[in-house]
Amino acid sequence: MTLKKIAKIVAVIAALCALAAAVYFAVKKLTGKEKPEYFDDNDFFECDNELEIIEVKDEEEAPAEEAPAEEAPAEEEKPAPKKKAKKAE
């Protein structure tokens, strides 16, 4: 293939992409923007906004049961073995 033939193919592909973009933006502009539809919450459920206040007497708090502490035998940690230093030659 010659350089002219490759250039023509690239130009055709670029032209098709530009044409597709032009059609996309034209359709998008012609359709216009949709306005959002807002709903009133009172249309869906009824709310009288009257709250009922209930007073509760303080209950005596029972002492929390303590879980028996489990004692694990202390394991002695062994020191890591020291690495021998390499001597530079």
N, C-alpha and C. Protein backbone atom coordinates (compact mmCIF):
# COMPACT_ATOMS: atom_id res chain seq x y z
N MET A 1 0.85 -1.18 0.00
CA MET A 1 0.00 0.00 0.00
C MET A 1 0.89 1.23 0.00
N THR A 2 0.41 2.20 -0.70
CA THR A 2 1.20 3.42 -0.77
C THR A 2 0.75 4.38 0.32
N LEU A 3 1.56 5.38 0.52
CA LEU A 3 1.27 6.36 1.57
C LEU A 3 -0.01 7.14 1.26
N LYS A 4 -0.27 7.39 -0.01
CA LYS A 4 -1.48 8.13 -0.39
C LYS A 4 -2.74 7.32 -0.06
N LYS A 5 -2.68 6.02 -0.30
CA LYS A 5 -3.84 5.17 -0.05
C LYS A 5 -4.13 5.10 1.46
N ILE A 6 -3.08 5.00 2.29
CA ILE A 6 -3.25 4.98 3.75
C ILE A 6 -3.83 6.31 4.23
N ALA A 7 -3.36 7.41 3.69
CA ALA A 7 -3.85 8.74 4.07
C ALA A 7 -5.34 8.88 3.72
N LYS A 8 -5.76 8.35 2.59
CA LYS A 8 -7.17 8.42 2.19
C LYS A 8 -8.05 7.62 3.15
N ILE A 9 -7.59 6.44 3.56
CA ILE A 9 -8.36 5.60 4.48
C ILE A 9 -8.52 6.30 5.83
N VAL A 10 -7.43 6.90 6.33
CA VAL A 10 -7.48 7.62 7.60
C VAL A 10 -8.41 8.82 7.48
N ALA A 11 -8.40 9.51 6.37
CA ALA A 11 -9.26 10.68 6.17
C ALA A 11 -10.73 10.26 6.12
N VAL A 12 -11.04 9.13 5.50
CA VAL A 12 -12.42 8.64 5.44
C VAL A 12 -12.92 8.28 6.84
N ILE A 13 -12.08 7.61 7.61
CA ILE A 13 -12.47 7.24 8.99
C ILE A 13 -12.71 8.50 9.82
N ALA A 14 -11.85 9.50 9.72
CA ALA A 14 -12.00 10.75 10.47
C ALA A 14 -13.28 11.47 10.05
N ALA A 15 -13.60 11.45 8.76
CA ALA A 15 -14.81 12.10 8.26
C ALA A 15 -16.06 11.40 8.81
N LEU A 16 -16.04 10.07 8.85
CA LEU A 16 -17.19 9.34 9.39
C LEU A 16 -17.39 9.63 10.88
N CYS A 17 -16.30 9.73 11.63
CA CYS A 17 -16.40 10.06 13.06
C CYS A 17 -16.96 11.47 13.25
N ALA A 18 -16.51 12.41 12.44
CA ALA A 18 -17.01 13.79 12.54
C ALA A 18 -18.48 13.85 12.18
N LEU A 19 -18.90 13.09 11.18
CA LEU A 19 -20.31 13.06 10.78
C LEU A 19 -21.18 12.47 11.89
N ALA A 20 -20.71 11.42 12.52
CA ALA A 20 -21.46 10.80 13.61
C ALA A 20 -21.57 11.76 14.79
N ALA A 21 -20.52 12.49 15.11
CA ALA A 21 -20.56 13.46 16.21
C ALA A 21 -21.52 14.59 15.90
N ALA A 22 -21.55 15.05 14.64
CA ALA A 22 -22.46 16.13 14.25
C ALA A 22 -23.91 15.69 14.38
N VAL A 23 -24.21 14.47 13.97
CA VAL A 23 -25.58 13.96 14.09
C VAL A 23 -25.96 13.82 15.56
N TYR A 24 -25.06 13.35 16.39
CA TYR A 24 -25.33 13.18 17.82
C TYR A 24 -25.66 14.52 18.47
N PHE A 25 -24.84 15.54 18.23
CA PHE A 25 -25.09 16.84 18.84
C PHE A 25 -26.35 17.50 18.29
N ALA A 26 -26.67 17.29 17.01
CA ALA A 26 -27.89 17.86 16.44
C ALA A 26 -29.13 17.24 17.08
N VAL A 27 -29.13 15.94 17.23
CA VAL A 27 -30.27 15.26 17.85
C VAL A 27 -30.40 15.68 19.31
N LYS A 28 -29.29 15.79 20.00
CA LYS A 28 -29.31 16.18 21.40
C LYS A 28 -29.85 17.59 21.58
N LYS A 29 -29.49 18.50 20.69
CA LYS A 29 -29.95 19.89 20.79
C LYS A 29 -31.43 20.00 20.42
N LEU A 30 -31.88 19.23 19.45
CA LEU A 30 -33.27 19.32 19.01
C LEU A 30 -34.24 18.71 20.03
N THR A 31 -33.79 17.70 20.74
CA THR A 31 -34.70 17.08 21.71
C THR A 31 -34.90 17.95 22.93
N GLY A 32 -33.98 18.82 23.26
CA GLY A 32 -34.13 19.72 24.40
C GLY A 32 -33.88 19.03 25.71
N LYS A 33 -33.85 19.85 26.75
CA LYS A 33 -33.60 19.30 28.08
C LYS A 33 -34.92 18.94 28.73
N GLU A 34 -34.91 17.85 29.48
CA GLU A 34 -36.10 17.44 30.20
C GLU A 34 -36.11 18.14 31.55
N LYS A 35 -37.27 18.68 31.92
CA LYS A 35 -37.38 19.32 33.22
C LYS A 35 -37.67 18.24 34.26
N PRO A 36 -36.99 18.30 35.40
CA PRO A 36 -37.25 17.29 36.42
C PRO A 36 -38.64 17.47 37.02
N GLU A 37 -39.26 16.36 37.35
CA GLU A 37 -40.60 16.39 37.91
C GLU A 37 -40.47 16.23 39.43
N TYR A 38 -40.97 17.22 40.15
CA TYR A 38 -40.88 17.19 41.60
C TYR A 38 -42.20 16.71 42.19
N PHE A 39 -42.11 15.91 43.24
CA PHE A 39 -43.30 15.40 43.90
C PHE A 39 -43.35 15.93 45.33
N ASP A 40 -44.55 16.14 45.81
CA ASP A 40 -44.75 16.54 47.19
C ASP A 40 -44.88 15.28 48.03
N ASP A 41 -44.13 15.21 49.13
CA ASP A 41 -44.17 14.02 49.97
C ASP A 41 -45.55 13.76 50.54
N ASN A 42 -46.32 14.79 50.75
CA ASN A 42 -47.64 14.61 51.34
C ASN A 42 -48.61 13.91 50.39
N ASP A 43 -48.27 13.83 49.13
CA ASP A 43 -49.12 13.12 48.17
C ASP A 43 -49.03 11.61 48.37
N PHE A 44 -47.95 11.14 48.94
CA PHE A 44 -47.72 9.70 49.04
C PHE A 44 -48.11 9.11 50.38
N PHE A 45 -47.92 9.86 51.46
CA PHE A 45 -48.28 9.33 52.77
C PHE A 45 -48.80 10.48 53.63
N GLU A 46 -49.57 10.12 54.59
CA GLU A 46 -50.16 11.11 55.45
C GLU A 46 -49.34 11.22 56.73
N CYS A 47 -49.01 12.42 57.12
CA CYS A 47 -48.22 12.63 58.32
C CYS A 47 -48.83 13.78 59.09
N ASP A 48 -49.20 13.53 60.34
CA ASP A 48 -49.83 14.59 61.12
C ASP A 48 -48.83 15.38 61.95
N ASN A 49 -47.57 14.98 61.93
CA ASN A 49 -46.48 15.66 62.62
C ASN A 49 -46.73 15.83 64.12
N GLU A 50 -47.56 15.01 64.72
CA GLU A 50 -47.77 15.05 66.15
C GLU A 50 -47.00 13.90 66.78
N LEU A 51 -46.05 14.25 67.61
CA LEU A 51 -45.22 13.25 68.24
C LEU A 51 -45.73 12.97 69.64
N GLU A 52 -45.74 11.74 70.03
CA GLU A 52 -46.17 11.36 71.35
C GLU A 52 -44.95 11.18 72.22
N ILE A 53 -44.89 11.90 73.36
CA ILE A 53 -43.74 11.84 74.25
C ILE A 53 -44.08 10.91 75.40
N ILE A 54 -43.26 9.93 75.60
CA ILE A 54 -43.46 8.95 76.66
C ILE A 54 -42.30 9.08 77.64
N GLU A 55 -42.63 9.27 78.91
CA GLU A 55 -41.59 9.37 79.92
C GLU A 55 -41.36 7.98 80.52
N VAL A 56 -40.10 7.63 80.67
CA VAL A 56 -39.74 6.33 81.20
C VAL A 56 -38.99 6.54 82.49
N LYS A 57 -39.37 5.78 83.52
CA LYS A 57 -38.67 5.88 84.80
C LYS A 57 -37.30 5.24 84.65
N ASP A 58 -36.35 5.80 85.39
CA ASP A 58 -35.00 5.23 85.34
C ASP A 58 -35.01 3.86 85.99
N GLU A 59 -34.54 2.88 85.28
CA GLU A 59 -34.47 1.53 85.80
C GLU A 59 -33.14 1.35 86.50
N GLU A 60 -33.19 0.60 87.59
CA GLU A 60 -31.94 0.33 88.29
C GLU A 60 -31.09 -0.59 87.42
N GLU A 61 -29.88 -0.16 87.23
CA GLU A 61 -28.99 -0.96 86.38
C GLU A 61 -28.42 -2.10 87.20
N ALA A 62 -28.59 -3.29 86.70
CA ALA A 62 -28.04 -4.47 87.37
C ALA A 62 -26.54 -4.48 87.13
N PRO A 63 -25.77 -4.91 88.12
CA PRO A 63 -24.32 -4.96 87.90
C PRO A 63 -24.01 -5.93 86.75
N ALA A 64 -23.16 -5.48 85.90
CA ALA A 64 -22.81 -6.29 84.73
C ALA A 64 -22.05 -7.52 85.18
N GLU A 65 -22.40 -8.65 84.62
CA GLU A 65 -21.71 -9.88 84.95
C GLU A 65 -20.33 -9.85 84.32
N GLU A 66 -19.35 -10.10 85.16
CA GLU A 66 -17.99 -10.07 84.65
C GLU A 66 -17.61 -11.46 84.17
N ALA A 67 -17.05 -11.51 83.00
CA ALA A 67 -16.60 -12.79 82.45
C ALA A 67 -15.32 -13.17 83.17
N PRO A 68 -15.17 -14.44 83.52
CA PRO A 68 -13.93 -14.83 84.19
C PRO A 68 -12.74 -14.62 83.27
N ALA A 69 -11.74 -13.98 83.82
CA ALA A 69 -10.55 -13.68 83.01
C ALA A 69 -9.77 -14.97 82.80
N GLU A 70 -9.49 -15.26 81.56
CA GLU A 70 -8.72 -16.45 81.23
C GLU A 70 -7.25 -16.08 81.22
N GLU A 71 -6.49 -16.81 81.98
CA GLU A 71 -5.08 -16.53 82.04
C GLU A 71 -4.34 -17.47 81.11
N ALA A 72 -3.65 -16.89 80.16
CA ALA A 72 -2.87 -17.69 79.23
C ALA A 72 -1.45 -17.77 79.77
N PRO A 73 -0.82 -18.93 79.70
CA PRO A 73 0.56 -19.02 80.19
C PRO A 73 1.45 -18.13 79.34
N ALA A 74 2.29 -17.39 80.02
CA ALA A 74 3.18 -16.47 79.31
C ALA A 74 4.22 -17.28 78.55
N GLU A 75 4.29 -17.03 77.26
CA GLU A 75 5.26 -17.73 76.43
C GLU A 75 6.52 -16.88 76.34
N GLU A 76 7.63 -17.53 76.52
CA GLU A 76 8.89 -16.80 76.42
C GLU A 76 9.24 -16.64 74.95
N GLU A 77 9.62 -15.42 74.62
CA GLU A 77 10.00 -15.15 73.24
C GLU A 77 11.48 -15.47 73.09
N LYS A 78 11.78 -16.24 72.08
CA LYS A 78 13.17 -16.59 71.82
C LYS A 78 13.78 -15.47 70.98
N PRO A 79 14.97 -15.04 71.32
CA PRO A 79 15.60 -13.99 70.51
C PRO A 79 15.95 -14.54 69.13
N ALA A 80 15.78 -13.70 68.14
CA ALA A 80 16.07 -14.11 66.77
C ALA A 80 17.57 -14.36 66.64
N PRO A 81 17.94 -15.39 65.89
CA PRO A 81 19.37 -15.65 65.73
C PRO A 81 20.03 -14.51 64.96
N LYS A 82 21.22 -14.13 65.40
CA LYS A 82 21.93 -13.03 64.76
C LYS A 82 22.57 -13.53 63.48
N LYS A 83 22.49 -12.68 62.46
CA LYS A 83 23.11 -13.05 61.19
C LYS A 83 24.59 -12.69 61.22
N LYS A 84 25.34 -13.51 60.62
CA LYS A 84 26.78 -13.23 60.57
C LYS A 84 27.04 -12.15 59.53
N ALA A 85 27.88 -11.23 59.87
CA ALA A 85 28.22 -10.13 58.96
C ALA A 85 29.15 -10.66 57.86
N LYS A 86 28.86 -10.23 56.64
CA LYS A 86 29.72 -10.63 55.53
C LYS A 86 30.96 -9.75 55.51
N LYS A 87 32.04 -10.37 55.23
CA LYS A 87 33.28 -9.62 55.17
C LYS A 87 33.48 -9.13 53.74
N ALA A 88 33.80 -7.85 53.62
CA ALA A 88 34.07 -7.30 52.29
C ALA A 88 35.47 -7.71 51.86
N GLU A 89 35.59 -8.19 50.70
CA GLU A 89 36.90 -8.63 50.22
C GLU A 89 37.47 -7.63 49.27
